[in-house]
Amino acid sequence: MDSLLIYGSYGYTGRLIAREAVARGGSPAVAGRDARAVARQADELGVEGRTFDLEDDVAGRIRHFDAVLNCAGPFAKTAEPLVEACLETETDYLDITGEFQVFERLGRYDDAARNAGVTVLPGVGFDVVPSDCLAAFLHEQVPSATELSLAIKGGGSLSRGTARTLVEQAGSEGVVRRNGRLIRVPATYRTRAIDFGDGAEPAVTIPWGDVVTAAHSTGIDSIEVYAAAGPWATRAMSVVDSLGWLLESRPVEGILKRLVDARIDGPDERELASSEAIVWGEVTDASTGRRARARLRTPNPYALTAEAAVRAAERVVDGRDSPRGRVPDGFQTPASAFGADFVLELDGTERELLEVPTESRDPERSALESDD
């Protein structure tokens, strides 16, 4: 992949991705704002390094690359400057965001990207490759589905970048999709018992990117995303709701970010190799009661992100020279770009169909059934 630029390459996840790209035989350029960090990483990997800020002439810095893979969060600040430069230079864009607001904003570039012959493909990491592919797989089982629920469990510790993004979002509301619209809801809007493989356990709604991406991938208008949460987590989120005004204050945010910088880097090699995550999904046709459920088991989210991002970038770059293999122009999600089975190409992923769709004469009863 000599035609790939990885921006934000020296953060925790960026380092994993750059190493994976080189291990797979690629020679990406690494880039970011910190000249010393870029130079050190470029020397270690034996690749080209470029230093620039997103307030610079970004188009001039990326013009000679076929694709940019953005690993510099928070993506609410970095995605649009890079996308706009990519449209100007006819460069394909990928990133590893999980921020639903970013997906929503980048979706508005669809027409401009199609006109420029550019692919805009955010979310090629754990957020949202597994959940997006699972949503598309379930939609194939029930093409008439009107409701989608997804849930995530596990994954181990966080990287510094992810933790900083969570600090910035602390105190903000949750979000669900209802009848095609994003609806702001409290952080503890809804709880549900979900079987991730060891029996039913509580899960609570979270503002995951699939409230935007799954709608694009499947056309389903009502979407909720949950995360496994014990009783302590639900109580903690209630506190966040009541103290949101405090968590949103700049002094408190600054203190929390300094704590993150001082104490967090990311999972070590042992955790990357041993921990895993579970993604669960369900689609329902509200008018008939037809329903399908499935589970997806994945490696550690950061390990999956490294492989998924590099494989996605390979497919995008290689497709430029192959009309049959070209990824569609415009705004895409992992599933709309590569299909529902893309996640199964990644090492250590397994998918299980838990419930095949059957006709139900009583949709209300079907909707009240407890999770298996």
Protein backbone atom coordinates (compact mmCIF):
# COMPACT_ATOMS: atom_id res chain seq x y z
CA MET A 1 0.00 0.00 0.00
CA ASP A 2 2.47 2.64 -1.16
CA SER A 3 -0.44 4.99 -1.86
CA LEU A 4 -1.81 5.21 1.70
CA LEU A 5 -1.27 8.03 4.18
CA ILE A 6 -2.07 7.26 7.84
CA TYR A 7 -2.81 10.50 9.69
CA GLY A 8 -2.57 10.45 13.50
CA SER A 9 -0.34 7.40 13.14
CA TYR A 10 1.58 7.72 16.40
CA GLY A 11 -1.35 7.49 18.82
CA TYR A 12 -2.06 4.12 20.40
CA THR A 13 -4.45 2.84 17.72
CA GLY A 14 -2.56 4.56 14.92
CA ARG A 15 0.60 2.72 15.97
CA LEU A 16 -1.21 -0.62 15.83
CA ILE A 17 -2.58 0.18 12.38
CA ALA A 18 0.74 1.38 10.97
CA ARG A 19 2.51 -1.74 12.27
CA GLU A 20 -0.20 -3.96 10.80
CA ALA A 21 0.07 -2.26 7.41
CA VAL A 22 3.83 -2.77 7.30
CA ALA A 23 3.50 -6.37 8.54
CA ARG A 24 1.15 -7.05 5.64
CA GLY A 25 3.77 -5.85 3.17
CA GLY A 26 2.62 -2.26 2.77
CA SER A 27 4.66 0.92 2.91
CA PRO A 28 2.26 3.61 4.12
CA ALA A 29 3.35 7.15 4.89
CA VAL A 30 2.81 8.10 8.53
CA ALA A 31 1.74 11.61 9.44
CA GLY A 32 0.56 13.94 12.18
CA ARG A 33 1.23 17.22 13.94
CA ASP A 34 4.12 16.12 16.17
CA ALA A 35 7.29 16.19 14.06
CA ARG A 36 9.36 14.28 16.62
CA ALA A 37 6.78 11.50 17.01
CA VAL A 38 6.35 11.19 13.23
CA ALA A 39 10.11 11.01 12.63
CA ARG A 40 10.61 8.41 15.35
CA GLN A 41 7.81 6.22 14.02
CA ALA A 42 8.90 6.58 10.40
CA ASP A 43 12.43 5.48 11.36
CA GLU A 44 11.16 2.51 13.35
CA LEU A 45 8.95 1.27 10.51
CA GLY A 46 11.20 2.26 7.62
CA VAL A 47 8.53 4.34 5.92
CA GLU A 48 8.02 7.96 4.86
CA GLY A 49 6.95 10.48 7.50
CA ARG A 50 5.08 13.74 6.98
CA THR A 51 4.32 16.46 9.49
CA PHE A 52 1.39 18.82 9.07
CA ASP A 53 -1.50 20.34 10.97
CA LEU A 54 -5.07 20.32 9.70
CA GLU A 55 -4.96 24.11 9.56
CA ASP A 56 -2.16 23.85 6.98
CA ASP A 57 -2.57 23.30 3.25
CA VAL A 58 -3.97 19.80 3.77
CA ALA A 59 -4.78 19.25 0.09
CA GLY A 60 -1.19 19.96 -0.85
CA ARG A 61 0.06 17.44 1.71
CA ILE A 62 -2.17 14.55 0.59
CA ARG A 63 -2.39 15.19 -3.16
CA HIS A 64 -0.04 12.35 -4.17
CA PHE A 65 -1.83 9.64 -2.17
CA ASP A 66 -4.67 7.41 -3.31
CA ALA A 67 -6.22 7.19 0.17
CA VAL A 68 -6.00 8.76 3.62
CA LEU A 69 -6.74 6.74 6.76
CA ASN A 70 -7.52 9.12 9.62
CA CYS A 71 -6.64 7.84 13.10
CA ALA A 72 -6.55 11.25 14.82
CA GLY A 73 -9.41 11.72 17.22
CA PRO A 74 -11.56 13.30 18.37
CA PHE A 75 -12.86 12.93 14.84
CA ALA A 76 -15.40 15.69 15.33
CA LYS A 77 -12.39 18.00 14.91
CA THR A 78 -10.32 16.14 12.31
CA ALA A 79 -12.68 14.36 9.92
CA GLU A 80 -14.15 17.24 7.94
CA PRO A 81 -10.88 19.09 7.16
CA LEU A 82 -9.44 15.85 5.79
CA VAL A 83 -12.60 14.93 3.86
CA GLU A 84 -12.74 18.35 2.23
CA ALA A 85 -9.09 18.05 1.20
CA CYS A 86 -9.78 14.55 -0.15
CA LEU A 87 -12.65 15.85 -2.29
CA GLU A 88 -10.36 18.52 -3.71
CA THR A 89 -7.58 16.04 -4.54
CA GLU A 90 -9.80 13.06 -5.51
CA THR A 91 -8.33 11.03 -2.67
CA ASP A 92 -10.36 8.31 -0.93
CA TYR A 93 -11.01 8.84 2.78
CA LEU A 94 -11.25 6.31 5.62
CA ASP A 95 -11.24 6.69 9.40
CA ILE A 96 -11.81 4.73 12.61
CA THR A 97 -14.37 7.00 14.27
CA GLY A 98 -17.22 5.74 16.38
CA GLU A 99 -18.81 9.17 16.96
CA PHE A 100 -22.37 9.18 15.60
CA GLN A 101 -22.21 12.94 15.04
CA VAL A 102 -19.26 12.43 12.70
CA PHE A 103 -21.05 9.75 10.69
CA GLU A 104 -24.06 12.04 10.40
CA ARG A 105 -21.94 14.98 9.18
CA LEU A 106 -19.87 12.92 6.75
CA GLY A 107 -23.05 11.46 5.27
CA ARG A 108 -23.85 14.96 4.02
CA TYR A 109 -20.81 14.76 1.73
CA ASP A 110 -22.34 11.89 -0.25
CA ASP A 111 -23.29 13.87 -3.36
CA ALA A 112 -20.03 15.83 -3.39
CA ALA A 113 -18.02 12.61 -3.01
CA ARG A 114 -19.91 10.89 -5.84
CA ASN A 115 -19.34 13.89 -8.10
CA ALA A 116 -15.62 13.85 -7.26
CA GLY A 117 -15.30 10.07 -7.70
CA VAL A 118 -14.21 9.71 -4.06
CA THR A 119 -15.11 7.10 -1.44
CA VAL A 120 -15.84 8.48 2.03
CA LEU A 121 -15.68 5.49 4.39
CA PRO A 122 -15.62 6.26 8.12
CA GLY A 123 -15.83 3.66 10.88
CA VAL A 124 -13.42 0.97 9.63
CA GLY A 125 -12.45 -0.14 13.15
CA PHE A 126 -14.32 -1.92 15.92
CA ASP A 127 -16.59 1.07 15.65
CA VAL A 128 -18.45 0.05 13.50
CA VAL A 129 -17.24 -2.89 11.40
CA PRO A 130 -18.66 -5.78 13.50
CA SER A 131 -21.97 -4.15 14.36
CA ASP A 132 -22.50 -2.75 10.85
CA CYS A 133 -21.79 -6.11 9.24
CA LEU A 134 -24.04 -7.89 11.75
CA ALA A 135 -26.84 -5.41 11.03
CA ALA A 136 -26.51 -6.04 7.29
CA PHE A 137 -26.47 -9.82 7.84
CA LEU A 138 -29.64 -9.68 9.93
CA HIS A 139 -31.33 -7.46 7.36
CA GLU A 140 -30.63 -10.15 4.78
CA GLN A 141 -32.58 -12.58 6.98
CA VAL A 142 -35.57 -10.22 7.30
CA PRO A 143 -35.47 -7.74 4.40
CA SER A 144 -38.74 -6.17 5.56
CA ALA A 145 -37.38 -5.43 9.05
CA THR A 146 -38.44 -2.09 10.54
CA GLU A 147 -36.58 -2.25 13.87
CA LEU A 148 -32.96 -3.05 14.72
CA SER A 149 -31.33 -3.54 18.13
CA LEU A 150 -27.59 -4.04 18.58
CA ALA A 151 -25.57 -4.63 21.73
CA ILE A 152 -21.87 -4.83 22.63
CA LYS A 153 -20.13 -6.52 25.53
CA GLY A 154 -16.52 -6.66 26.67
CA GLY A 155 -13.39 -5.48 24.99
CA GLY A 156 -10.99 -4.76 27.86
CA SER A 157 -9.28 -1.46 28.61
CA LEU A 158 -9.35 1.75 26.56
CA SER A 159 -6.72 3.64 24.62
CA ARG A 160 -5.82 7.21 25.57
CA GLY A 161 -7.57 8.61 22.49
CA THR A 162 -10.79 6.73 23.19
CA ALA A 163 -10.74 7.80 26.83
CA ARG A 164 -10.22 11.46 25.87
CA THR A 165 -13.17 11.26 23.47
CA LEU A 166 -15.34 9.79 26.22
CA VAL A 167 -14.32 12.63 28.53
CA GLU A 168 -15.39 15.16 25.88
CA GLN A 169 -18.74 13.40 25.53
CA ALA A 170 -19.33 12.94 29.27
CA GLY A 171 -22.54 14.50 30.40
CA SER A 172 -24.02 14.54 26.90
CA GLU A 173 -27.32 12.89 26.07
CA GLY A 174 -27.84 9.52 24.45
CA VAL A 175 -29.41 9.02 21.06
CA VAL A 176 -31.65 6.49 19.30
CA ARG A 177 -33.21 6.41 15.84
CA ARG A 178 -37.00 6.54 15.59
CA ASN A 179 -38.86 6.51 12.29
CA GLY A 180 -35.85 7.80 10.41
CA ARG A 181 -34.93 10.57 12.87
CA LEU A 182 -32.22 10.77 15.52
CA ILE A 183 -33.85 11.40 18.89
CA ARG A 184 -31.93 12.71 21.89
CA VAL A 185 -32.61 10.66 25.03
CA PRO A 186 -31.18 10.44 28.56
CA ALA A 187 -28.01 8.41 28.99
CA THR A 188 -30.03 5.75 30.85
CA TYR A 189 -32.95 5.91 28.42
CA ARG A 190 -33.67 2.19 28.26
CA THR A 191 -32.37 -1.06 29.73
CA ARG A 192 -32.89 -4.53 28.34
CA ALA A 193 -31.89 -8.10 29.21
CA ILE A 194 -29.66 -9.53 26.47
CA ASP A 195 -27.96 -12.92 26.17
CA PHE A 196 -24.37 -12.41 25.08
CA GLY A 197 -23.72 -16.14 25.42
CA ASP A 198 -23.80 -16.81 29.16
CA GLY A 199 -27.43 -16.04 29.95
CA ALA A 200 -29.43 -12.82 30.02
CA GLU A 201 -27.77 -9.79 31.58
CA PRO A 202 -28.68 -6.10 31.73
CA ALA A 203 -27.68 -3.73 28.97
CA VAL A 204 -28.28 0.00 28.60
CA THR A 205 -28.67 2.21 25.53
CA ILE A 206 -25.55 4.04 24.30
CA PRO A 207 -24.99 6.61 21.50
CA TRP A 208 -23.09 4.20 19.20
CA GLY A 209 -22.41 5.09 15.59
CA ASP A 210 -24.83 2.48 14.25
CA VAL A 211 -27.77 4.79 14.87
CA VAL A 212 -26.47 6.45 11.69
CA THR A 213 -24.46 3.79 9.85
CA ALA A 214 -26.90 0.90 10.17
CA ALA A 215 -29.66 3.07 8.73
CA HIS A 216 -27.44 3.68 5.69
CA SER A 217 -26.49 0.00 5.39
CA THR A 218 -29.96 -1.49 5.87
CA GLY A 219 -32.56 1.23 5.38
CA ILE A 220 -34.07 0.37 8.79
CA ASP A 221 -35.63 3.46 10.35
CA SER A 222 -35.71 2.56 14.07
CA ILE A 223 -32.41 1.60 15.73
CA GLU A 224 -31.17 1.26 19.30
CA VAL A 225 -27.68 0.26 20.46
CA TYR A 226 -26.93 -1.16 23.92
CA ALA A 227 -23.86 -1.97 25.97
CA ALA A 228 -23.66 -4.66 28.64
CA ALA A 229 -23.87 -2.99 32.04
CA GLY A 230 -24.14 -4.34 35.57
CA PRO A 231 -26.33 -2.56 38.12
CA TRP A 232 -23.35 -0.39 39.19
CA ALA A 233 -22.95 0.91 35.64
CA THR A 234 -26.62 1.85 35.36
CA ARG A 235 -26.40 3.76 38.65
CA ALA A 236 -23.23 5.49 37.48
CA MET A 237 -24.90 6.60 34.26
CA SER A 238 -27.79 8.02 36.29
CA VAL A 239 -25.26 10.10 38.21
CA VAL A 240 -23.78 11.27 34.89
CA ASP A 241 -27.27 12.37 33.85
CA SER A 242 -27.75 14.41 37.02
CA LEU A 243 -24.21 15.89 37.01
CA GLY A 244 -23.91 16.46 33.30
CA TRP A 245 -23.59 20.22 33.79
CA LEU A 246 -20.47 19.63 35.91
CA LEU A 247 -18.85 17.12 33.56
CA GLU A 248 -19.33 19.50 30.64
CA SER A 249 -17.48 22.36 32.34
CA ARG A 250 -14.08 23.17 30.83
CA PRO A 251 -12.10 23.04 34.10
CA VAL A 252 -13.44 19.59 34.98
CA GLU A 253 -12.91 18.33 31.41
CA GLY A 254 -9.32 19.59 31.50
CA ILE A 255 -8.61 17.81 34.79
CA LEU A 256 -10.05 14.55 33.49
CA LYS A 257 -8.03 14.77 30.27
CA ARG A 258 -4.82 15.33 32.21
CA LEU A 259 -5.60 12.24 34.29
CA VAL A 260 -6.20 10.25 31.11
CA ASP A 261 -2.91 11.42 29.60
CA ALA A 262 -1.00 10.54 32.76
CA ARG A 263 -2.52 7.13 33.42
CA ILE A 264 -3.78 5.58 30.17
CA ASP A 265 -2.04 4.30 27.06
CA GLY A 266 -4.00 1.24 25.93
CA PRO A 267 -4.19 -2.57 26.18
CA ASP A 268 -0.83 -4.34 26.44
CA GLU A 269 0.20 -7.18 24.12
CA ARG A 270 -1.23 -9.85 26.43
CA GLU A 271 -4.63 -8.17 26.57
CA LEU A 272 -4.64 -7.60 22.80
CA ALA A 273 -4.07 -11.30 22.27
CA SER A 274 -6.43 -12.68 24.90
CA SER A 275 -9.48 -10.45 25.43
CA GLU A 276 -12.55 -10.51 23.20
CA ALA A 277 -15.86 -8.80 22.59
CA ILE A 278 -19.38 -9.92 21.72
CA VAL A 279 -21.77 -8.11 19.39
CA TRP A 280 -25.44 -9.14 19.51
CA GLY A 281 -28.18 -8.09 17.13
CA GLU A 282 -31.89 -8.45 16.46
CA VAL A 283 -34.15 -7.28 13.63
CA THR A 284 -37.94 -7.29 13.71
CA ASP A 285 -40.68 -6.60 11.22
CA ALA A 286 -43.20 -4.84 13.45
CA SER A 287 -46.11 -5.55 11.11
CA THR A 288 -45.63 -9.33 10.93
CA GLY A 289 -43.56 -10.14 14.00
CA ARG A 290 -40.85 -11.81 11.89
CA ARG A 291 -37.59 -11.67 13.78
CA ALA A 292 -33.98 -12.81 13.49
CA ARG A 293 -31.15 -12.72 16.04
CA ALA A 294 -27.43 -13.33 15.78
CA ARG A 295 -24.20 -12.98 17.74
CA LEU A 296 -20.70 -12.14 16.61
CA ARG A 297 -17.59 -12.99 18.63
CA THR A 298 -14.52 -10.85 17.92
CA PRO A 299 -10.94 -10.45 19.18
CA ASN A 300 -9.94 -7.48 21.32
CA PRO A 301 -11.47 -4.34 19.73
CA TYR A 302 -8.09 -2.67 19.17
CA ALA A 303 -6.63 -5.79 17.57
CA LEU A 304 -9.69 -6.01 15.33
CA THR A 305 -9.45 -2.31 14.51
CA ALA A 306 -5.86 -2.66 13.32
CA GLU A 307 -6.66 -5.53 10.96
CA ALA A 308 -10.02 -4.17 9.79
CA ALA A 309 -8.67 -0.70 9.02
CA VAL A 310 -5.73 -2.04 7.03
CA ARG A 311 -7.84 -4.55 5.10
CA ALA A 312 -10.38 -1.83 4.32
CA ALA A 313 -7.64 0.51 3.10
CA GLU A 314 -6.16 -2.28 0.97
CA ARG A 315 -9.54 -2.93 -0.64
CA VAL A 316 -10.10 0.76 -1.36
CA VAL A 317 -6.61 1.36 -2.79
CA ASP A 318 -6.47 -1.89 -4.80
CA GLY A 319 -9.96 -1.25 -6.16
CA ARG A 320 -8.78 1.90 -7.89
CA ASP A 321 -6.98 -0.28 -10.45
CA SER A 322 -9.80 -2.81 -10.82
CA PRO A 323 -13.22 -1.61 -12.02
CA ARG A 324 -14.84 -4.80 -10.72
CA GLY A 325 -13.27 -4.44 -7.30
CA ARG A 326 -13.71 -0.69 -6.91
CA VAL A 327 -15.43 0.40 -3.73
CA PRO A 328 -18.47 2.56 -4.56
CA ASP A 329 -18.01 6.33 -4.57
CA GLY A 330 -19.83 8.51 -2.08
CA PHE A 331 -20.51 8.01 1.62
CA GLN A 332 -20.19 4.35 2.58
CA THR A 333 -20.21 2.15 5.66
CA PRO A 334 -18.12 -1.02 6.02
CA ALA A 335 -21.10 -3.20 5.09
CA SER A 336 -22.25 -1.06 2.16
CA ALA A 337 -18.67 -0.96 0.87
CA PHE A 338 -17.65 -4.59 1.37
CA GLY A 339 -20.75 -6.60 2.28
CA ALA A 340 -22.04 -8.25 5.45
CA ASP A 341 -19.33 -10.94 5.43
CA PHE A 342 -16.40 -8.50 5.51
CA VAL A 343 -16.08 -8.98 9.26
CA LEU A 344 -15.64 -12.73 8.78
CA GLU A 345 -12.45 -12.07 6.81
CA LEU A 346 -10.86 -10.81 10.03
CA ASP A 347 -8.91 -13.22 12.23
CA GLY A 348 -10.78 -14.66 15.19
CA THR A 349 -14.32 -13.56 14.28
CA GLU A 350 -17.23 -16.00 14.47
CA ARG A 351 -20.89 -15.40 13.66
CA GLU A 352 -23.83 -17.42 14.99
CA LEU A 353 -27.42 -17.14 13.81
CA LEU A 354 -29.46 -17.58 16.99
CA GLU A 355 -33.00 -17.30 15.66
CA VAL A 356 -34.18 -17.65 12.09
CA PRO A 357 -37.20 -15.61 11.03
CA THR A 358 -40.60 -17.27 11.25
CA GLU A 359 -44.04 -15.87 10.62
CA SER A 360 -45.90 -14.73 13.73
CA ARG A 361 -49.63 -14.10 13.89
CA ASP A 362 -49.29 -12.07 17.06
CA PRO A 363 -46.65 -9.32 16.69
CA GLU A 364 -47.42 -7.83 20.13
CA ARG A 365 -46.77 -11.13 21.85
CA SER A 366 -43.59 -11.62 19.84
CA ALA A 367 -42.33 -8.21 20.90
CA LEU A 368 -42.92 -9.05 24.59
CA GLU A 369 -41.00 -12.32 24.55
CA SER A 370 -37.89 -12.32 26.73
CA ASP A 371 -34.47 -12.75 25.13
CA ASP A 372 -33.21 -16.28 24.80
